[in-house]
C-alpha atoms as a PDB file:
ATOM      1  CA  MET A   1      -0.021  -0.403   0.216  1.00  0.00           C
ATOM      2  CA  ALA A   2       1.056   3.648  -0.938  1.00  0.00           C
ATOM      3  CA  VAL A   3       1.951   5.901   1.977  1.00  0.00           C
ATOM      4  CA  ARG A   4       1.976   9.434   1.981  1.00  0.00           C
ATOM      5  CA  ILE A   5       5.086  12.236   2.453  1.00  0.00           C
ATOM      6  CA  ALA A   6       4.027  15.676   3.164  1.00  0.00           C
ATOM      7  CA  LEU A   7       5.770  18.099   1.348  1.00  0.00           C
ATOM      8  CA  SER A   8       5.834  22.131   2.838  1.00  0.00           C
ATOM      9  CA  VAL A   9       7.292  23.843   0.410  1.00  0.00           C
ATOM     10  CA  GLY A  10       8.490  26.986   2.447  1.00  0.00           C
ATOM     11  CA  GLU A  11       9.135  30.703   1.741  1.00  0.00           C
ATOM     12  CA  PRO A  12       7.584  31.348  -1.982  1.00  0.00           C
ATOM     13  CA  ALA A  13       9.683  33.727  -3.315  1.00  0.00           C
ATOM     14  CA  GLY A  14      12.743  31.326  -2.604  1.00  0.00           C
ATOM     15  CA  ILE A  15      14.252  28.106  -4.102  1.00  0.00           C
ATOM     16  CA  GLY A  16      11.369  25.686  -2.059  1.00  0.00           C
ATOM     17  CA  PRO A  17       8.722  25.930  -5.010  1.00  0.00           C
ATOM     18  CA  ASP A  18      12.068  24.615  -6.861  1.00  0.00           C
ATOM     19  CA  LEU A  19      12.824  22.079  -4.686  1.00  0.00           C
ATOM     20  CA  ALA A  20       9.222  20.764  -4.989  1.00  0.00           C
ATOM     21  CA  VAL A  21       8.980  20.946  -8.722  1.00  0.00           C
ATOM     22  CA  ILE A  22      12.579  19.069  -9.135  1.00  0.00           C
ATOM     23  CA  ALA A  23      11.213  16.496  -7.001  1.00  0.00           C
ATOM     24  CA  ALA A  24       8.539  15.892  -8.965  1.00  0.00           C
ATOM     25  CA  GLN A  25      10.553  14.816 -11.835  1.00  0.00           C
ATOM     26  CA  ARG A  26      10.789  11.507 -10.291  1.00  0.00           C
ATOM     27  CA  LYS A  27       8.613   8.305 -10.160  1.00  0.00           C
ATOM     28  CA  ARG A  28       8.527   7.579  -5.940  1.00  0.00           C
ATOM     29  CA  GLY A  29       7.121   4.643  -4.611  1.00  0.00           C
ATOM     30  CA  TYR A  30       5.146   6.858  -2.383  1.00  0.00           C
ATOM     31  CA  GLU A  31       2.725  10.108  -2.905  1.00  0.00           C
ATOM     32  CA  LEU A  32       4.287  12.862  -2.500  1.00  0.00           C
ATOM     33  CA  LEU A  33       2.075  15.960  -1.256  1.00  0.00           C
ATOM     34  CA  ALA A  34       2.909  19.657  -1.857  1.00  0.00           C
ATOM     35  CA  TYR A  35       1.435  21.876   0.360  1.00  0.00           C
ATOM     36  CA  ALA A  36       1.268  25.340  -1.739  1.00  0.00           C
ATOM     37  CA  ASP A  37      -0.530  27.463  -4.200  1.00  0.00           C
ATOM     38  CA  PRO A  38      -0.700  25.561  -7.500  1.00  0.00           C
ATOM     39  CA  ALA A  39      -0.142  28.484  -9.403  1.00  0.00           C
ATOM     40  CA  LEU A  40       2.755  29.180  -7.824  1.00  0.00           C
ATOM     41  CA  LEU A  41       4.303  25.419  -8.962  1.00  0.00           C
ATOM     42  CA  HIS A  42       2.845  26.508 -12.460  1.00  0.00           C
ATOM     43  CA  ASP A  43       5.140  29.363 -12.617  1.00  0.00           C
ATOM     44  CA  ARG A  44       8.048  27.619 -11.383  1.00  0.00           C
ATOM     45  CA  ALA A  45       7.814  25.364 -13.251  1.00  0.00           C
ATOM     46  CA  ARG A  46       7.980  27.106 -16.551  1.00  0.00           C
ATOM     47  CA  LEU A  47      10.532  29.057 -15.230  1.00  0.00           C
ATOM     48  CA  LEU A  48      12.667  25.779 -15.173  1.00  0.00           C
ATOM     49  CA  ASN A  49      11.679  24.650 -18.304  1.00  0.00           C
ATOM     50  CA  LEU A  50      10.782  21.356 -16.493  1.00  0.00           C
ATOM     51  CA  PRO A  51       7.297  19.502 -17.615  1.00  0.00           C
ATOM     52  CA  LEU A  52       4.822  19.260 -14.679  1.00  0.00           C
ATOM     53  CA  SER A  53       1.222  18.034 -13.332  1.00  0.00           C
ATOM     54  CA  LEU A  54      -0.549  18.742 -10.586  1.00  0.00           C
ATOM     55  CA  VAL A  55      -3.398  16.838  -9.169  1.00  0.00           C
ATOM     56  CA  GLU A  56      -5.336  18.652  -6.534  1.00  0.00           C
ATOM     57  CA  ARG A  57      -5.805  16.308  -3.477  1.00  0.00           C
ATOM     58  CA  ASP A  58      -7.653  15.855  -0.417  1.00  0.00           C
ATOM     59  CA  SER A  59      -5.633  14.453   2.219  1.00  0.00           C
ATOM     60  CA  THR A  60      -8.333  12.427   3.761  1.00  0.00           C
ATOM     61  CA  GLN A  61      -7.856  10.163   0.209  1.00  0.00           C
ATOM     62  CA  ALA A  62      -5.400   7.357  -0.118  1.00  0.00           C
ATOM     63  CA  PRO A  63      -2.600   7.688  -1.227  1.00  0.00           C
ATOM     64  CA  ILE A  64      -1.110   6.857  -4.668  1.00  0.00           C
ATOM     65  CA  SER A  65       1.359   7.132  -7.104  1.00  0.00           C
ATOM     66  CA  THR A  66       2.007   9.830  -9.615  1.00  0.00           C
ATOM     67  CA  PRO A  67       4.413   9.363 -12.642  1.00  0.00           C
ATOM     68  CA  ALA A  68       7.405  11.877 -13.151  1.00  0.00           C
ATOM     69  CA  GLY A  69       6.701  14.862 -14.158  1.00  0.00           C
ATOM     70  CA  VAL A  70       2.580  14.674 -11.815  1.00  0.00           C
ATOM     71  CA  LEU A  71       2.819  16.289  -8.312  1.00  0.00           C
ATOM     72  CA  SER A  72      -0.270  15.642  -6.151  1.00  0.00           C
ATOM     73  CA  VAL A  73      -1.165  19.083  -4.140  1.00  0.00           C
ATOM     74  CA  TYR A  74      -2.500  20.423  -0.988  1.00  0.00           C
ATOM     75  CA  PRO A  75      -3.684  23.433  -2.360  1.00  0.00           C
ATOM     76  CA  VAL A  76      -3.125  26.601  -0.064  1.00  0.00           C
ATOM     77  CA  PRO A  77      -3.275  30.114  -1.885  1.00  0.00           C
ATOM     78  CA  LEU A  78      -1.228  32.858  -1.240  1.00  0.00           C
ATOM     79  CA  THR A  79      -2.378  36.343  -0.824  1.00  0.00           C
ATOM     80  CA  ALA A  80       0.229  37.911  -3.096  1.00  0.00           C
ATOM     81  CA  PRO A  81       1.722  36.908  -6.652  1.00  0.00           C
ATOM     82  CA  ALA A  82       4.636  35.385  -5.660  1.00  0.00           C
ATOM     83  CA  HIS A  83       8.164  36.614  -7.712  1.00  0.00           C
ATOM     84  CA  PRO A  84      11.666  35.067  -7.210  1.00  0.00           C
ATOM     85  CA  GLY A  85      13.834  36.682  -4.741  1.00  0.00           C
ATOM     86  CA  ARG A  86      11.535  39.029  -3.747  1.00  0.00           C
ATOM     87  CA  LEU A  87      10.219  38.645  -0.022  1.00  0.00           C
ATOM     88  CA  ASP A  88       6.306  40.203   0.639  1.00  0.00           C
ATOM     89  CA  PRO A  89       5.193  39.620   4.198  1.00  0.00           C
ATOM     90  CA  ALA A  90       1.828  39.539   2.596  1.00  0.00           C
ATOM     91  CA  ASN A  91       2.176  36.319   2.129  1.00  0.00           C
ATOM     92  CA  VAL A  92       3.507  34.601   5.669  1.00  0.00           C
ATOM     93  CA  PRO A  93      -0.112  33.479   6.804  1.00  0.00           C
ATOM     94  CA  ALA A  94      -0.299  31.408   3.970  1.00  0.00           C
ATOM     95  CA  VAL A  95       3.057  29.914   4.166  1.00  0.00           C
ATOM     96  CA  LEU A  96       2.446  29.730   7.451  1.00  0.00           C
ATOM     97  CA  ALA A  97      -0.503  27.412   6.982  1.00  0.00           C
ATOM     98  CA  ALA A  98       0.679  25.590   4.888  1.00  0.00           C
ATOM     99  CA  LEU A  99       2.982  24.306   7.344  1.00  0.00           C
ATOM    100  CA  ASP A 100       0.399  24.223   9.807  1.00  0.00           C
ATOM    101  CA  ALA A 101      -1.841  21.320   7.655  1.00  0.00           C
ATOM    102  CA  ALA A 102       1.096  19.401   6.600  1.00  0.00           C
ATOM    103  CA  TRP A 103       1.556  18.577  10.330  1.00  0.00           C
ATOM    104  CA  ARG A 104      -1.879  18.502  11.264  1.00  0.00           C
ATOM    105  CA  ASP A 105      -2.255  15.788   8.317  1.00  0.00           C
ATOM    106  CA  CYS A 106       0.863  13.658   9.813  1.00  0.00           C
ATOM    107  CA  ARG A 107      -0.499  13.991  13.546  1.00  0.00           C
ATOM    108  CA  ALA A 108      -4.282  12.461  12.027  1.00  0.00           C
ATOM    109  CA  GLU A 109      -1.689  10.005  10.188  1.00  0.00           C
ATOM    110  CA  GLN A 110      -2.872  10.666   6.563  1.00  0.00           C
ATOM    111  CA  ALA A 111       0.479  11.438   5.817  1.00  0.00           C
ATOM    112  CA  ALA A 112       3.658   9.206   7.215  1.00  0.00           C
ATOM    113  CA  ALA A 113       5.755  12.255   7.450  1.00  0.00           C
ATOM    114  CA  LEU A 114       6.773  15.304   7.201  1.00  0.00           C
ATOM    115  CA  VAL A 115       9.551  17.417   4.769  1.00  0.00           C
ATOM    116  CA  THR A 116      10.004  21.225   4.810  1.00  0.00           C
ATOM    117  CA  ALA A 117      11.737  23.428   2.120  1.00  0.00           C
ATOM    118  CA  PRO A 118      13.281  27.052   3.616  1.00  0.00           C
ATOM    119  CA  LEU A 119      10.752  28.824   5.386  1.00  0.00           C
ATOM    120  CA  HIS A 120      12.696  32.471   6.401  1.00  0.00           C
ATOM    121  CA  LYS A 121      12.633  33.726   9.679  1.00  0.00           C
ATOM    122  CA  GLY A 122      13.218  37.622   8.902  1.00  0.00           C
ATOM    123  CA  ILE A 123      10.063  38.112   7.012  1.00  0.00           C
ATOM    124  CA  ILE A 124       8.072  36.063   9.096  1.00  0.00           C
ATOM    125  CA  ASN A 125       8.828  38.262  11.720  1.00  0.00           C
ATOM    126  CA  ARG A 126       8.577  41.384  10.041  1.00  0.00           C
ATOM    127  CA  ALA A 127       4.954  40.022   9.409  1.00  0.00           C
ATOM    128  CA  GLY A 128       4.208  40.277  13.271  1.00  0.00           C
ATOM    129  CA  ARG A 129       4.618  36.565  13.886  1.00  0.00           C
ATOM    130  CA  PRO A 130       7.470  35.753  16.066  1.00  0.00           C
ATOM    131  CA  PHE A 131       9.200  32.869  14.989  1.00  0.00           C
ATOM    132  CA  SER A 132      12.682  31.318  15.449  1.00  0.00           C
ATOM    133  CA  GLY A 133      12.674  28.407  13.418  1.00  0.00           C
ATOM    134  CA  HIS A 134      11.005  24.991  11.683  1.00  0.00           C
ATOM    135  CA  THR A 135      12.155  23.378  14.779  1.00  0.00           C
ATOM    136  CA  GLU A 136      10.678  25.494  17.607  1.00  0.00           C
ATOM    137  CA  TYR A 137       7.781  25.933  15.761  1.00  0.00           C
ATOM    138  CA  LEU A 138       6.406  22.249  15.284  1.00  0.00           C
ATOM    139  CA  ALA A 139       7.786  21.608  18.473  1.00  0.00           C
ATOM    140  CA  ARG A 140       4.587  24.179  20.118  1.00  0.00           C
ATOM    141  CA  LEU A 141       1.892  22.314  17.514  1.00  0.00           C
ATOM    142  CA  ALA A 142       3.089  19.500  19.245  1.00  0.00           C
ATOM    143  CA  GLY A 143       1.760  20.400  22.575  1.00  0.00           C
ATOM    144  CA  GLY A 144       5.595  21.754  23.632  1.00  0.00           C
ATOM    145  CA  VAL A 145       7.604  18.990  23.460  1.00  0.00           C
ATOM    146  CA  GLN A 146      11.230  19.226  24.005  1.00  0.00           C
ATOM    147  CA  PRO A 147      12.849  19.262  20.383  1.00  0.00           C
ATOM    148  CA  VAL A 148      16.514  18.321  19.581  1.00  0.00           C
ATOM    149  CA  MET A 149      17.778  19.173  16.346  1.00  0.00           C
ATOM    150  CA  LEU A 150      19.582  16.160  14.230  1.00  0.00           C
ATOM    151  CA  LEU A 151      21.913  17.001  11.150  1.00  0.00           C
ATOM    152  CA  LEU A 152      23.005  14.264   9.508  1.00  0.00           C
ATOM    153  CA  SER A 153      25.442  13.809   6.893  1.00  0.00           C
ATOM    154  CA  GLY A 154      27.114  10.637   5.495  1.00  0.00           C
ATOM    155  CA  SER A 155      28.261   8.565   9.033  1.00  0.00           C
ATOM    156  CA  LEU A 156      28.268  11.679  11.068  1.00  0.00           C
ATOM    157  CA  ARG A 157      25.344  12.866  13.014  1.00  0.00           C
ATOM    158  CA  VAL A 158      25.724  16.241  15.478  1.00  0.00           C
ATOM    159  CA  ALA A 159      22.659  17.040  17.508  1.00  0.00           C
ATOM    160  CA  LEU A 160      22.248  20.290  19.554  1.00  0.00           C
ATOM    161  CA  ALA A 161      21.864  21.360  23.169  1.00  0.00           C
ATOM    162  CA  THR A 162      19.600  24.349  22.286  1.00  0.00           C
ATOM    163  CA  THR A 163      18.407  25.591  18.724  1.00  0.00           C
ATOM    164  CA  HIS A 164      18.390  28.860  17.291  1.00  0.00           C
ATOM    165  CA  LEU A 165      19.339  30.860  20.248  1.00  0.00           C
ATOM    166  CA  PRO A 166      21.561  33.663  20.623  1.00  0.00           C
ATOM    167  CA  LEU A 167      24.770  32.984  22.108  1.00  0.00           C
ATOM    168  CA  SER A 168      24.564  35.173  24.908  1.00  0.00           C
ATOM    169  CA  LYS A 169      21.099  33.010  25.808  1.00  0.00           C
ATOM    170  CA  VAL A 170      23.178  29.941  25.816  1.00  0.00           C
ATOM    171  CA  PRO A 171      24.815  29.374  29.040  1.00  0.00           C
ATOM    172  CA  HIS A 172      21.475  30.111  30.597  1.00  0.00           C
ATOM    173  CA  ALA A 173      19.433  27.674  28.271  1.00  0.00           C
ATOM    174  CA  ILE A 174      21.725  24.674  29.578  1.00  0.00           C
ATOM    175  CA  THR A 175      20.659  23.275  33.283  1.00  0.00           C
ATOM    176  CA  ARG A 176      20.720  20.142  34.285  1.00  0.00           C
ATOM    177  CA  GLU A 177      17.164  19.103  33.919  1.00  0.00           C
ATOM    178  CA  HIS A 178      17.375  20.240  29.867  1.00  0.00           C
ATOM    179  CA  LEU A 179      20.697  18.422  29.409  1.00  0.00           C
ATOM    180  CA  GLY A 180      19.191  15.312  30.831  1.00  0.00           C
ATOM    181  CA  ARG A 181      16.400  15.787  28.625  1.00  0.00           C
ATOM    182  CA  VAL A 182      17.900  16.585  25.457  1.00  0.00           C
ATOM    183  CA  ILE A 183      20.429  13.017  25.997  1.00  0.00           C
ATOM    184  CA  GLU A 184      17.670  11.305  26.460  1.00  0.00           C
ATOM    185  CA  ILE A 185      15.595  12.170  23.341  1.00  0.00           C
ATOM    186  CA  LEU A 186      18.485  11.620  21.427  1.00  0.00           C
ATOM    187  CA  HIS A 187      19.650   8.392  22.899  1.00  0.00           C
ATOM    188  CA  THR A 188      15.608   6.843  22.327  1.00  0.00           C
ATOM    189  CA  ALA A 189      15.716   8.186  18.722  1.00  0.00           C
ATOM    190  CA  LEU A 190      19.396   6.853  17.840  1.00  0.00           C
ATOM    191  CA  MET A 191      17.839   3.534  19.500  1.00  0.00           C
ATOM    192  CA  ARG A 192      14.411   3.243  17.713  1.00  0.00           C
ATOM    193  CA  ASP A 193      14.474   5.332  14.559  1.00  0.00           C
ATOM    194  CA  PHE A 194      18.371   4.761  13.334  1.00  0.00           C
ATOM    195  CA  GLY A 195      18.062   1.341  14.899  1.00  0.00           C
ATOM    196  CA  LEU A 196      21.432   1.131  17.000  1.00  0.00           C
ATOM    197  CA  ALA A 197      21.354  -1.047  20.205  1.00  0.00           C
ATOM    198  CA  GLU A 198      23.517   0.818  22.582  1.00  0.00           C
ATOM    199  CA  PRO A 199      24.476   4.330  21.408  1.00  0.00           C
ATOM    200  CA  ARG A 200      27.763   5.789  21.731  1.00  0.00           C
ATOM    201  CA  ILE A 201      27.077   9.579  22.020  1.00  0.00           C
ATOM    202  CA  GLN A 202      30.384  12.271  22.135  1.00  0.00           C
ATOM    203  CA  VAL A 203      29.067  15.105  24.525  1.00  0.00           C
ATOM    204  CA  LEU A 204      31.551  18.659  23.947  1.00  0.00           C
ATOM    205  CA  GLY A 205      31.744  21.027  26.188  1.00  0.00           C
ATOM    206  CA  LEU A 206      30.337  24.366  26.417  1.00  0.00           C
ATOM    207  CA  ASN A 207      33.760  26.787  26.905  1.00  0.00           C
ATOM    208  CA  PRO A 208      37.038  26.370  25.188  1.00  0.00           C
ATOM    209  CA  HIS A 209      39.459  23.582  26.394  1.00  0.00           C
ATOM    210  CA  ALA A 210      35.778  22.397  28.249  1.00  0.00           C
ATOM    211  CA  GLY A 211      36.378  24.308  30.895  1.00  0.00           C
ATOM    212  CA  GLU A 212      40.052  23.942  31.641  1.00  0.00           C
ATOM    213  CA  ASP A 213      39.490  22.523  34.792  1.00  0.00           C
ATOM    214  CA  GLY A 214      37.015  25.058  36.064  1.00  0.00           C
ATOM    215  CA  TYR A 215      39.789  28.223  34.493  1.00  0.00           C
ATOM    216  CA  LEU A 216      37.778  29.041  31.813  1.00  0.00           C
ATOM    217  CA  GLY A 217      34.178  28.460  32.984  1.00  0.00           C
ATOM    218  CA  ASN A 218      32.111  26.060  35.359  1.00  0.00           C
ATOM    219  CA  GLU A 219      29.603  24.791  33.000  1.00  0.00           C
ATOM    220  CA  GLU A 220      31.271  21.679  32.420  1.00  0.00           C
ATOM    221  CA  ARG A 221      32.087  20.972  36.109  1.00  0.00           C
ATOM    222  CA  HIS A 222      28.437  21.945  37.495  1.00  0.00           C
ATOM    223  CA  ILE A 223      26.101  21.066  34.753  1.00  0.00           C
ATOM    224  CA  ILE A 224      27.259  18.660  31.800  1.00  0.00           C
ATOM    225  CA  THR A 225      29.985  16.290  34.212  1.00  0.00           C
ATOM    226  CA  PRO A 226      26.972  15.970  37.030  1.00  0.00           C
ATOM    227  CA  VAL A 227      24.245  15.044  33.712  1.00  0.00           C
ATOM    228  CA  LEU A 228      26.701  12.733  32.447  1.00  0.00           C
ATOM    229  CA  GLU A 229      27.307  11.290  35.225  1.00  0.00           C
ATOM    230  CA  CYS A 230      23.806  10.506  36.171  1.00  0.00           C
ATOM    231  CA  LEU A 231      22.848   9.024  32.980  1.00  0.00           C
ATOM    232  CA  ARG A 232      26.171   6.576  32.582  1.00  0.00           C
ATOM    233  CA  ASP A 233      25.136   4.992  36.276  1.00  0.00           C
ATOM    234  CA  ARG A 234      21.512   4.113  33.978  1.00  0.00           C
ATOM    235  CA  GLY A 235      23.257   2.940  31.370  1.00  0.00           C
ATOM    236  CA  LEU A 236      24.189   5.593  28.848  1.00  0.00           C
ATOM    237  CA  ALA A 237      27.216   5.050  26.800  1.00  0.00           C
ATOM    238  CA  LEU A 238      28.862   8.775  26.530  1.00  0.00           C
ATOM    239  CA  GLU A 239      31.760  10.595  26.537  1.00  0.00           C
ATOM    240  CA  GLY A 240      32.570  13.772  27.648  1.00  0.00           C
ATOM    241  CA  PRO A 241      32.735  16.902  28.049  1.00  0.00           C
ATOM    242  CA  LEU A 242      35.378  16.792  25.222  1.00  0.00           C
ATOM    243  CA  PRO A 243      37.002  20.089  23.641  1.00  0.00           C
ATOM    244  CA  ALA A 244      34.641  20.866  20.509  1.00  0.00           C
ATOM    245  CA  ASP A 245      38.599  21.552  18.765  1.00  0.00           C
ATOM    246  CA  THR A 246      39.363  18.119  18.739  1.00  0.00           C
ATOM    247  CA  ALA A 247      36.427  15.781  19.051  1.00  0.00           C
ATOM    248  CA  PHE A 248      35.757  15.941  15.144  1.00  0.00           C
ATOM    249  CA  LEU A 249      38.860  14.319  14.449  1.00  0.00           C
ATOM    250  CA  PRO A 250      38.597  11.120  12.621  1.00  0.00           C
ATOM    251  CA  SER A 251      40.265   8.814  15.423  1.00  0.00           C
ATOM    252  CA  ARG A 252      37.334  10.229  17.553  1.00  0.00           C
ATOM    253  CA  LEU A 253      34.708  10.147  15.551  1.00  0.00           C
ATOM    254  CA  ALA A 254      35.190   6.624  14.141  1.00  0.00           C
ATOM    255  CA  THR A 255      34.496   5.538  17.973  1.00  0.00           C
ATOM    256  CA  VAL A 256      31.122   7.211  18.743  1.00  0.00           C
ATOM    257  CA  ASP A 257      27.277   7.461  17.027  1.00  0.00           C
ATOM    258  CA  ALA A 258      26.864  11.225  17.605  1.00  0.00           C
ATOM    259  CA  VAL A 259      27.934  14.056  19.058  1.00  0.00           C
ATOM    260  CA  LEU A 260      25.767  16.605  20.916  1.00  0.00           C
ATOM    261  CA  ALA A 261      27.136  19.751  20.942  1.00  0.00           C
ATOM    262  CA  MET A 262      25.847  22.192  23.004  1.00  0.00           C
ATOM    263  CA  TYR A 263      25.118  25.411  20.919  1.00  0.00           C
ATOM    264  CA  HIS A 264      24.581  25.877  16.738  1.00  0.00           C
ATOM    265  CA  ASP A 265      27.493  26.977  15.666  1.00  0.00           C
ATOM    266  CA  GLN A 266      29.419  24.604  17.867  1.00  0.00           C
ATOM    267  CA  GLY A 267      28.815  21.854  15.933  1.00  0.00           C
ATOM    268  CA  LEU A 268      26.582  22.630  12.469  1.00  0.00           C
ATOM    269  CA  PRO A 269      29.741  24.128  10.653  1.00  0.00           C
ATOM    270  CA  VAL A 270      31.936  20.817  10.706  1.00  0.00           C
ATOM    271  CA  LEU A 271      28.936  19.498   9.620  1.00  0.00           C
ATOM    272  CA  LYS A 272      28.311  21.576   6.930  1.00  0.00           C
ATOM    273  CA  TYR A 273      31.964  21.723   6.026  1.00  0.00           C
ATOM    274  CA  ALA A 274      31.675  17.916   5.537  1.00  0.00           C
ATOM    275  CA  GLY A 275      28.812  17.536   3.338  1.00  0.00           C
ATOM    276  CA  PHE A 276      27.013  20.572   2.557  1.00  0.00           C
ATOM    277  CA  GLY A 277      23.982  20.707   0.322  1.00  0.00           C
ATOM    278  CA  GLN A 278      23.454  16.150   1.280  1.00  0.00           C
ATOM    279  CA  ALA A 279      22.622  16.630   4.497  1.00  0.00           C
ATOM    280  CA  VAL A 280      19.565  16.433   6.596  1.00  0.00           C
ATOM    281  CA  ASN A 281      18.374  18.173   8.886  1.00  0.00           C
ATOM    282  CA  VAL A 282      15.812  16.283  11.682  1.00  0.00           C
ATOM    283  CA  THR A 283      13.577  17.130  14.549  1.00  0.00           C
ATOM    284  CA  LEU A 284      13.758  14.684  17.550  1.00  0.00           C
ATOM    285  CA  GLY A 285      11.050  14.662  19.928  1.00  0.00           C
ATOM    286  CA  LEU A 286       8.345  14.932  17.877  1.00  0.00           C
ATOM    287  CA  PRO A 287       4.938  12.668  17.137  1.00  0.00           C
ATOM    288  CA  ALA A 288       5.788  12.426  13.699  1.00  0.00           C
ATOM    289  CA  VAL A 289       8.915  12.246  11.565  1.00  0.00           C
ATOM    290  CA  ARG A 290      10.236  15.216  10.210  1.00  0.00           C
ATOM    291  CA  THR A 291      12.664  16.106   7.756  1.00  0.00           C
ATOM    292  CA  SER A 292      15.014  19.381   5.866  1.00  0.00           C
ATOM    293  CA  VAL A 293      16.936  20.445   3.606  1.00  0.00           C
ATOM    294  CA  ASP A 294      20.629  21.692   5.422  1.00  0.00           C
ATOM    295  CA  HIS A 295      19.883  25.141   3.650  1.00  0.00           C
ATOM    296  CA  GLY A 296      18.272  28.330   3.843  1.00  0.00           C
ATOM    297  CA  THR A 297      16.421  30.018   1.021  1.00  0.00           C
ATOM    298  CA  ALA A 298      18.944  30.795  -1.444  1.00  0.00           C
ATOM    299  CA  LEU A 299      16.723  34.214  -3.109  1.00  0.00           C
ATOM    300  CA  ASP A 300      19.191  34.623  -5.363  1.00  0.00           C
ATOM    301  CA  ARG A 301      18.763  31.749  -7.309  1.00  0.00           C
ATOM    302  CA  ALA A 302      15.468  31.071  -7.019  1.00  0.00           C
ATOM    303  CA  GLY A 303      13.503  30.365 -10.579  1.00  0.00           C
ATOM    304  CA  THR A 304      17.235  30.215 -12.056  1.00  0.00           C
ATOM    305  CA  GLY A 305      17.749  27.009 -12.588  1.00  0.00           C
ATOM    306  CA  ARG A 306      20.964  26.759 -10.506  1.00  0.00           C
ATOM    307  CA  VAL A 307      19.392  24.449  -7.605  1.00  0.00           C
ATOM    308  CA  ASP A 308      21.068  21.340  -5.796  1.00  0.00           C
ATOM    309  CA  PRO A 309      18.063  19.239  -5.210  1.00  0.00           C
ATOM    310  CA  GLY A 310      20.918  16.372  -3.412  1.00  0.00           C
ATOM    311  CA  SER A 311      19.627  17.727   0.026  1.00  0.00           C
ATOM    312  CA  ILE A 312      16.196  17.517  -0.542  1.00  0.00           C
ATOM    313  CA  GLU A 313      16.147  14.403  -1.746  1.00  0.00           C
ATOM    314  CA  ALA A 314      18.487  13.152   1.170  1.00  0.00           C
ATOM    315  CA  ALA A 315      15.727  14.413   3.302  1.00  0.00           C
ATOM    316  CA  LEU A 316      12.773  12.561   1.149  1.00  0.00           C
ATOM    317  CA  ALA A 317      14.875   9.319   1.312  1.00  0.00           C
ATOM    318  CA  LEU A 318      15.302   9.782   5.473  1.00  0.00           C
ATOM    319  CA  ALA A 319      11.919  10.566   5.995  1.00  0.00           C
ATOM    320  CA  ALA A 320      10.282   7.750   3.866  1.00  0.00           C
ATOM    321  CA  LYS A 321      12.858   5.323   6.088  1.00  0.00           C
ATOM    322  CA  LEU A 322      12.348   6.313   8.904  1.00  0.00           C
ATOM    323  CA  ALA A 323       8.414   6.347   8.650  1.00  0.00           C
ATOM    324  CA  ALA A 324       8.847   2.902   7.100  1.00  0.00           C
ATOM    325  CA  ARG A 325      10.631   2.044  10.486  1.00  0.00           C
ATOM    326  CA  ARG A 326       8.181   3.587  13.014  1.00  0.00           C
ATOM    327  CA  ARG A 327       5.596   1.642  11.562  1.00  0.00           C
ATOM    328  CA  GLY A 328       7.415  -1.804  11.925  1.00  0.00           C
END
């Protein structure tokens, strides 16, 4: 029986619509349902000179398999015409409505997983809707669960203890309770979603040299180390806290299944250097599978044909794999 993968196309002025059109050029073993304005997709296909036939679908209908060049679409009309590279706050309500509908259908199990194309945080906030990222937004829609961001590139997995926070707020966010919960969520996901019987997790320190025995900061001694010791007593295989500047050496990575960084730009530059354009973002801790691309809206490339679909293809493939594993 076919399954359905929901695709939120994100910012209409960016490359999300391009990615949806490009993804439709392949026949897949599931129904790919794009939540978007049909006119937007037709316009972008015309700019890209790619064939595209749309089939308007209600998510309550049974999933279908479509041939190459055909895309199922759940219509969410835009307020204003979308132009590549030109942000318009008038379209923010429709952009979020499409994301809401896609997530609603995942929660109702009418879609097996959600894949998201990039949104533009700036224009959403400019339109009066506080928004720090998909990760936090979906966590609120799910009832305020604790989300954990995990990015994957090949065999490298990097999770984050905090997500889209100003650097000045990171130390205050890393409490014993929060860090312990993040590690538990990561550990559970590595077992359930990635099939690792005994996950090995490497945990980074917050400060340079992991605090240098307190001379460069006390968060390692007072927060991170006590949490790790407590969880080790419960049987979790945890290494750290380790200095971030040597934690990504190949010899260290060869012995672990995932790295937990304390903040966004501590872990992700290494991962994106290793596989930008092919990496996948996964939100752990949600009641449904959600994956995403590893890049932004790329406003300057929208409608030009200069788009690398590697990350969206990786996100779609991983979403289908994780959904199948959860279905058993």
